[in-house]
Amino acid sequence: MEDLYKTLPQHTCTWLQGIMTLYKYQGFWNVQNFSQKTILAQSYKAQPSDILVCSCPKTGTTWLKALTFAIVTRKKFDELASPLLTTLPHDCVPFLENHLEKIQKNHSDFPIIATHLPYSSLPESVITSGCKIVYIYRNIKDVLVSYYHFVRELVNLPLEDASFEAAFDEYCQGISSSGPYWDHILEFWKASQEMPERFLFLKYEDLKKEPTSNVKRLAEFLGYPFSTEEEKAGVVENIIQLCSFGNLSTLEVNKSGKYQADEHFALEHRLFFRKAKDGDWENYFTNEMKEKIDKLIDEKLHGTGLVLK
């Protein structure tokens, strides 16, 4: 691995005062140990019954994990006994690249796995197994703001010491964890066009605007559709409420404690629950920034059918 890192393009983030260096591996940027995690994750043997929750960081991953977990386990736990009330969603649905051993150990008992890996870095078994893949994406402007605050707090850098303008410039260059963001989305999108029966694309803003229809759509795709009786009993609405930002962000487990990303690194649970607000970017972007990123996304996604503005 040390020899590999010497050959990889690297970038020290200026807006983070040089605290973080990213490496470009298989076309995407990430912190140094992520390359090793990617290689290890590629040994995973996926099963047809697996469900992969995929995303780029800060696009609604925590919310989608919670919803998927609640849907799949609703026969086992009702909303008053759900592990989501006492356990961080990231511990309920482990990341493939962070907890490979745990996933392999519990593989026969639990089908949901999450990942930030780009499509081209997924284990070959995922592609060949026929397992289902759910992908969530979001307005790039809000993703950028959320990413800025998450990483800034991750390295304990106060606002006055972290230039948003510099963070914006780097993000527009594609330099961010699991970035370029548009390439991450487009890889999954192109694969979904070739195998539509295996993919479900969810847009964060649509999920917020019409949660009921989209949660029912998610459940149907996962193979856990809601029965007429469940719908009449309010099960769909109960799951939406259980997994809502307003509920999860106020739970004690999500306000305290630390998430053990690996044996060396832990981060506070509260960092996963900031605002979950659409349009927060307007408090940060200048008109010039808005024009620049709109033009960039128009160029990157032209003709794809995807909308990130």
Protein backbone atom coordinates (compact mmCIF):
# COMPACT_ATOMS: atom_id res chain seq x y z
CA MET A 1 0.00 0.00 0.00
CA GLU A 2 2.81 2.41 0.78
CA ASP A 3 4.24 1.87 -2.70
CA LEU A 4 0.78 2.42 -4.20
CA TYR A 5 0.25 5.72 -2.40
CA LYS A 6 3.53 7.03 -3.82
CA THR A 7 2.15 6.59 -7.32
CA LEU A 8 -1.28 8.16 -6.74
CA PRO A 9 -2.16 11.80 -7.51
CA GLN A 10 -2.61 13.66 -4.23
CA HIS A 11 -4.04 16.97 -3.11
CA THR A 12 -3.68 18.72 0.23
CA CYS A 13 -6.89 20.65 0.95
CA THR A 14 -6.07 24.32 1.32
CA TRP A 15 -9.42 25.20 2.89
CA LEU A 16 -8.67 22.71 5.69
CA GLN A 17 -5.37 24.39 6.52
CA GLY A 18 -3.45 21.42 5.15
CA ILE A 19 -4.94 19.03 7.73
CA MET A 20 -6.33 16.64 5.12
CA THR A 21 -4.73 15.15 2.02
CA LEU A 22 -6.79 13.29 -0.56
CA TYR A 23 -5.52 10.63 -2.97
CA LYS A 24 -7.00 9.80 -6.37
CA TYR A 25 -7.56 6.07 -6.73
CA GLN A 26 -9.48 4.43 -9.58
CA GLY A 27 -10.63 7.85 -10.75
CA PHE A 28 -11.99 9.15 -7.41
CA TRP A 29 -10.55 11.19 -4.54
CA ASN A 30 -10.48 10.05 -0.94
CA VAL A 31 -8.40 9.94 2.24
CA GLN A 32 -5.39 7.65 2.23
CA ASN A 33 -6.77 4.62 4.04
CA PHE A 34 -9.89 4.59 1.84
CA SER A 35 -7.86 3.15 -1.03
CA GLN A 36 -6.93 0.22 1.16
CA LYS A 37 -10.54 -0.17 2.29
CA THR A 38 -11.63 -0.17 -1.34
CA ILE A 39 -9.24 -2.99 -2.20
CA LEU A 40 -10.38 -5.05 0.79
CA ALA A 41 -14.06 -4.41 0.05
CA GLN A 42 -13.63 -5.77 -3.46
CA SER A 43 -13.18 -9.23 -1.98
CA TYR A 44 -16.79 -9.24 -0.74
CA LYS A 45 -18.97 -12.06 -2.06
CA ALA A 46 -22.38 -10.56 -2.68
CA GLN A 47 -25.56 -12.66 -2.74
CA PRO A 48 -28.65 -12.14 -4.92
CA SER A 49 -30.63 -11.30 -1.75
CA ASP A 50 -28.32 -8.41 -0.84
CA ILE A 51 -29.56 -4.81 -0.83
CA LEU A 52 -26.93 -2.14 -1.47
CA VAL A 53 -27.62 1.39 -0.27
CA CYS A 54 -25.26 3.53 -2.36
CA SER A 55 -24.48 7.24 -2.30
CA CYS A 56 -21.88 9.93 -2.43
CA PRO A 57 -21.25 11.50 1.02
CA LYS A 58 -23.77 14.08 2.30
CA THR A 59 -26.59 13.25 -0.11
CA GLY A 60 -29.05 11.68 2.35
CA THR A 61 -27.23 8.46 3.24
CA THR A 62 -28.28 8.42 6.91
CA TRP A 63 -31.93 8.95 6.02
CA LEU A 64 -31.96 6.29 3.31
CA LYS A 65 -30.25 3.79 5.62
CA ALA A 66 -32.89 4.39 8.29
CA LEU A 67 -35.79 4.05 5.85
CA THR A 68 -34.41 0.90 4.25
CA PHE A 69 -33.72 -0.68 7.65
CA ALA A 70 -37.19 0.20 8.97
CA ILE A 71 -38.91 -1.19 5.86
CA VAL A 72 -37.01 -4.48 5.82
CA THR A 73 -37.27 -5.13 9.58
CA ARG A 74 -40.82 -3.89 10.20
CA LYS A 75 -42.20 -7.42 10.77
CA LYS A 76 -39.58 -7.97 13.44
CA PHE A 77 -39.69 -4.55 15.12
CA ASP A 78 -42.57 -2.11 15.22
CA GLU A 79 -41.88 1.62 15.46
CA LEU A 80 -41.86 1.49 19.28
CA ALA A 81 -39.18 -1.20 19.44
CA SER A 82 -37.03 -0.39 16.44
CA PRO A 83 -33.24 -0.49 16.98
CA LEU A 84 -33.23 2.92 15.27
CA LEU A 85 -34.45 4.38 18.56
CA THR A 86 -31.27 3.30 20.35
CA THR A 87 -28.72 2.77 17.57
CA LEU A 88 -27.13 5.09 15.02
CA PRO A 89 -28.42 4.26 11.50
CA HIS A 90 -24.82 3.73 10.38
CA ASP A 91 -24.49 0.94 12.95
CA CYS A 92 -27.82 -0.57 11.88
CA VAL A 93 -26.68 -0.64 8.24
CA PRO A 94 -22.87 -1.01 8.10
CA PHE A 95 -20.62 0.42 5.40
CA LEU A 96 -18.98 -2.23 3.23
CA GLU A 97 -15.68 -0.37 3.19
CA ASN A 98 -15.64 0.19 6.97
CA HIS A 99 -17.00 -3.03 8.43
CA LEU A 100 -16.28 -5.82 5.98
CA GLU A 101 -15.61 -8.44 8.67
CA LYS A 102 -18.84 -7.62 10.52
CA ILE A 103 -20.84 -7.85 7.27
CA GLN A 104 -19.28 -11.17 6.31
CA LYS A 105 -19.99 -12.58 9.76
CA ASN A 106 -23.67 -11.56 9.70
CA HIS A 107 -24.19 -12.07 5.98
CA SER A 108 -26.74 -14.85 6.25
CA ASP A 109 -28.85 -12.92 8.77
CA PHE A 110 -29.03 -9.39 7.37
CA PRO A 111 -29.21 -8.33 3.72
CA ILE A 112 -28.65 -4.53 3.83
CA ILE A 113 -25.20 -3.08 3.15
CA ALA A 114 -24.19 0.52 2.47
CA THR A 115 -21.31 2.01 0.52
CA HIS A 116 -19.84 5.26 -0.76
CA LEU A 117 -17.76 3.35 -3.29
CA PRO A 118 -18.19 4.46 -6.92
CA TYR A 119 -19.82 1.91 -9.20
CA SER A 120 -16.53 1.10 -10.93
CA SER A 121 -14.96 0.17 -7.57
CA LEU A 122 -17.75 -2.15 -6.37
CA PRO A 123 -16.86 -5.82 -5.82
CA GLU A 124 -17.30 -7.82 -9.02
CA SER A 125 -19.70 -10.09 -7.13
CA VAL A 126 -22.11 -7.17 -6.70
CA ILE A 127 -22.31 -6.77 -10.46
CA THR A 128 -22.73 -10.49 -11.18
CA SER A 129 -24.96 -11.47 -8.24
CA GLY A 130 -28.06 -9.63 -9.39
CA CYS A 131 -28.54 -7.95 -6.01
CA LYS A 132 -30.59 -4.76 -5.75
CA ILE A 133 -29.01 -1.31 -5.61
CA VAL A 134 -30.67 1.84 -4.25
CA TYR A 135 -28.93 5.12 -5.02
CA ILE A 136 -29.76 8.51 -3.51
CA TYR A 137 -28.61 11.83 -4.96
CA ARG A 138 -29.20 15.48 -4.16
CA ASN A 139 -28.87 19.07 -5.39
CA ILE A 140 -25.12 19.61 -5.69
CA LYS A 141 -25.26 23.04 -4.00
CA ASP A 142 -26.73 21.64 -0.77
CA VAL A 143 -24.35 18.66 -0.94
CA LEU A 144 -21.40 21.03 -1.13
CA VAL A 145 -22.54 23.06 1.90
CA SER A 146 -23.24 19.91 3.93
CA TYR A 147 -19.86 18.45 2.95
CA TYR A 148 -18.12 21.69 3.91
CA HIS A 149 -19.56 21.68 7.44
CA PHE A 150 -19.17 17.93 7.97
CA VAL A 151 -15.49 17.81 7.07
CA ARG A 152 -14.74 21.10 8.82
CA GLU A 153 -16.17 19.78 12.08
CA LEU A 154 -14.55 16.42 11.50
CA VAL A 155 -11.11 18.05 11.75
CA ASN A 156 -12.24 20.52 14.46
CA LEU A 157 -11.73 23.59 12.30
CA PRO A 158 -13.79 26.69 13.26
CA LEU A 159 -15.76 28.56 10.61
CA GLU A 160 -13.40 31.51 10.55
CA ASP A 161 -10.47 29.23 9.70
CA ALA A 162 -12.19 27.27 6.91
CA SER A 163 -12.69 29.25 3.71
CA PHE A 164 -15.97 28.32 2.04
CA GLU A 165 -14.74 29.94 -1.18
CA ALA A 166 -11.70 27.61 -1.26
CA ALA A 167 -13.89 24.59 -0.43
CA PHE A 168 -16.21 25.60 -3.28
CA ASP A 169 -13.34 25.84 -5.76
CA GLU A 170 -11.97 22.42 -4.83
CA TYR A 171 -15.41 20.80 -5.05
CA CYS A 172 -15.89 22.30 -8.51
CA GLN A 173 -12.56 20.71 -9.49
CA GLY A 174 -14.02 17.37 -8.38
CA ILE A 175 -11.72 17.19 -5.35
CA SER A 176 -13.81 15.84 -2.46
CA SER A 177 -14.31 12.55 -0.65
CA SER A 178 -15.65 10.04 -3.20
CA GLY A 179 -15.61 12.84 -5.79
CA PRO A 180 -16.01 14.07 -8.43
CA TYR A 181 -19.64 14.09 -7.34
CA TRP A 182 -21.04 14.14 -10.89
CA ASP A 183 -18.89 11.18 -11.95
CA HIS A 184 -20.07 9.20 -8.92
CA ILE A 185 -23.70 9.74 -9.90
CA LEU A 186 -23.17 9.19 -13.61
CA GLU A 187 -21.47 5.81 -13.13
CA PHE A 188 -24.49 4.49 -11.23
CA TRP A 189 -26.91 6.21 -13.59
CA LYS A 190 -25.38 4.65 -16.70
CA ALA A 191 -25.42 1.21 -15.05
CA SER A 192 -29.08 1.72 -14.13
CA GLN A 193 -29.93 2.42 -17.77
CA GLU A 194 -28.42 -0.93 -18.72
CA MET A 195 -30.03 -2.86 -15.83
CA PRO A 196 -33.12 -0.88 -14.76
CA GLU A 197 -34.65 -3.81 -12.88
CA ARG A 198 -31.73 -3.82 -10.44
CA PHE A 199 -31.54 -0.09 -9.66
CA LEU A 200 -33.72 2.44 -7.89
CA PHE A 201 -32.67 6.09 -8.11
CA LEU A 202 -34.09 8.35 -5.41
CA LYS A 203 -33.75 12.11 -5.45
CA TYR A 204 -33.42 13.56 -1.95
CA GLU A 205 -35.67 16.53 -2.71
CA ASP A 206 -38.40 14.28 -4.14
CA LEU A 207 -38.23 12.04 -1.08
CA LYS A 208 -38.78 15.07 1.15
CA LYS A 209 -41.55 16.50 -0.99
CA GLU A 210 -43.52 13.27 -1.42
CA PRO A 211 -42.34 10.84 1.29
CA THR A 212 -45.35 8.50 1.21
CA SER A 213 -45.27 7.63 -2.48
CA ASN A 214 -41.47 7.35 -2.52
CA VAL A 215 -41.28 5.17 0.60
CA LYS A 216 -43.91 2.86 -0.91
CA ARG A 217 -41.88 2.82 -4.12
CA LEU A 218 -38.75 1.97 -2.16
CA ALA A 219 -40.47 -0.86 -0.30
CA GLU A 220 -41.86 -2.30 -3.55
CA PHE A 221 -38.42 -2.25 -5.16
CA LEU A 222 -36.77 -3.89 -2.16
CA GLY A 223 -39.24 -6.76 -2.27
CA TYR A 224 -40.98 -5.72 0.96
CA PRO A 225 -44.17 -4.03 -0.33
CA PHE A 226 -46.74 -2.68 2.10
CA SER A 227 -49.99 -4.61 2.26
CA THR A 228 -53.36 -2.87 2.06
CA GLU A 229 -53.84 -3.67 5.74
CA GLU A 230 -50.50 -2.08 6.63
CA GLU A 231 -51.34 1.06 4.70
CA LYS A 232 -54.71 1.33 6.43
CA ALA A 233 -53.02 0.82 9.81
CA GLY A 234 -50.66 3.74 9.14
CA VAL A 235 -47.47 1.66 8.92
CA VAL A 236 -46.07 3.77 6.07
CA GLU A 237 -46.61 7.02 7.97
CA ASN A 238 -45.13 5.48 11.14
CA ILE A 239 -41.93 4.54 9.30
CA ILE A 240 -41.69 8.01 7.76
CA GLN A 241 -42.05 9.59 11.20
CA LEU A 242 -39.60 7.18 12.83
CA CYS A 243 -36.92 7.94 10.22
CA SER A 244 -37.57 11.67 9.96
CA PHE A 245 -34.80 14.15 10.71
CA GLY A 246 -37.00 15.72 13.37
CA ASN A 247 -37.22 12.40 15.21
CA LEU A 248 -33.77 10.90 14.66
CA SER A 249 -31.89 14.11 15.42
CA THR A 250 -33.53 14.41 18.85
CA LEU A 251 -32.79 10.88 20.01
CA GLU A 252 -30.15 10.70 22.72
CA VAL A 253 -28.14 8.08 20.84
CA ASN A 254 -27.74 10.47 17.90
CA LYS A 255 -26.81 13.44 20.06
CA SER A 256 -24.02 11.66 21.93
CA GLY A 257 -21.56 8.86 21.39
CA LYS A 258 -19.15 8.18 18.55
CA TYR A 259 -19.34 6.16 15.36
CA GLN A 260 -16.37 3.81 14.99
CA ALA A 261 -15.58 4.12 11.30
CA ASP A 262 -12.65 1.73 11.70
CA GLU A 263 -10.17 0.62 14.36
CA HIS A 264 -8.36 3.96 14.19
CA PHE A 265 -11.06 6.52 13.55
CA ALA A 266 -14.28 7.57 15.30
CA LEU A 267 -16.57 10.56 14.80
CA GLU A 268 -19.37 12.05 16.84
CA HIS A 269 -22.89 10.90 16.05
CA ARG A 270 -24.19 14.47 16.01
CA LEU A 271 -22.19 15.22 12.85
CA PHE A 272 -24.62 13.10 10.85
CA PHE A 273 -27.53 15.36 11.82
CA ARG A 274 -26.99 19.01 10.87
CA LYS A 275 -30.02 20.58 9.12
CA ALA A 276 -31.47 18.32 6.41
CA LYS A 277 -32.77 21.52 4.83
CA ASP A 278 -33.34 22.19 1.13
CA GLY A 279 -31.93 25.47 -0.16
CA ASP A 280 -29.44 26.09 2.65
CA TRP A 281 -26.89 26.79 -0.10
CA GLU A 282 -28.50 30.21 -0.65
CA ASN A 283 -26.94 31.34 2.64
CA TYR A 284 -23.45 30.60 1.30
CA PHE A 285 -23.33 31.03 -2.49
CA THR A 286 -22.63 34.28 -4.27
CA ASN A 287 -24.31 34.88 -7.63
CA GLU A 288 -20.99 34.09 -9.31
CA MET A 289 -20.76 30.76 -7.46
CA LYS A 290 -24.29 29.82 -8.47
CA GLU A 291 -23.62 30.63 -12.12
CA LYS A 292 -20.33 28.72 -12.11
CA ILE A 293 -21.71 25.53 -10.59
CA ASP A 294 -24.88 25.60 -12.70
CA LYS A 295 -22.76 25.87 -15.84
CA LEU A 296 -20.50 23.07 -14.62
CA ILE A 297 -23.40 20.71 -13.93
CA ASP A 298 -25.06 21.57 -17.25
CA GLU A 299 -21.85 20.54 -18.98
CA LYS A 300 -21.34 17.34 -16.96
CA LEU A 301 -24.93 16.05 -17.09
CA HIS A 302 -26.05 17.32 -20.47
CA GLY A 303 -28.25 14.76 -22.18
CA THR A 304 -28.33 12.32 -19.24
CA GLY A 305 -31.81 13.12 -17.92
CA LEU A 306 -30.47 13.86 -14.43
CA VAL A 307 -31.13 17.21 -12.71
CA LEU A 308 -28.94 18.42 -9.84
CA LYS A 309 -29.88 22.10 -9.77
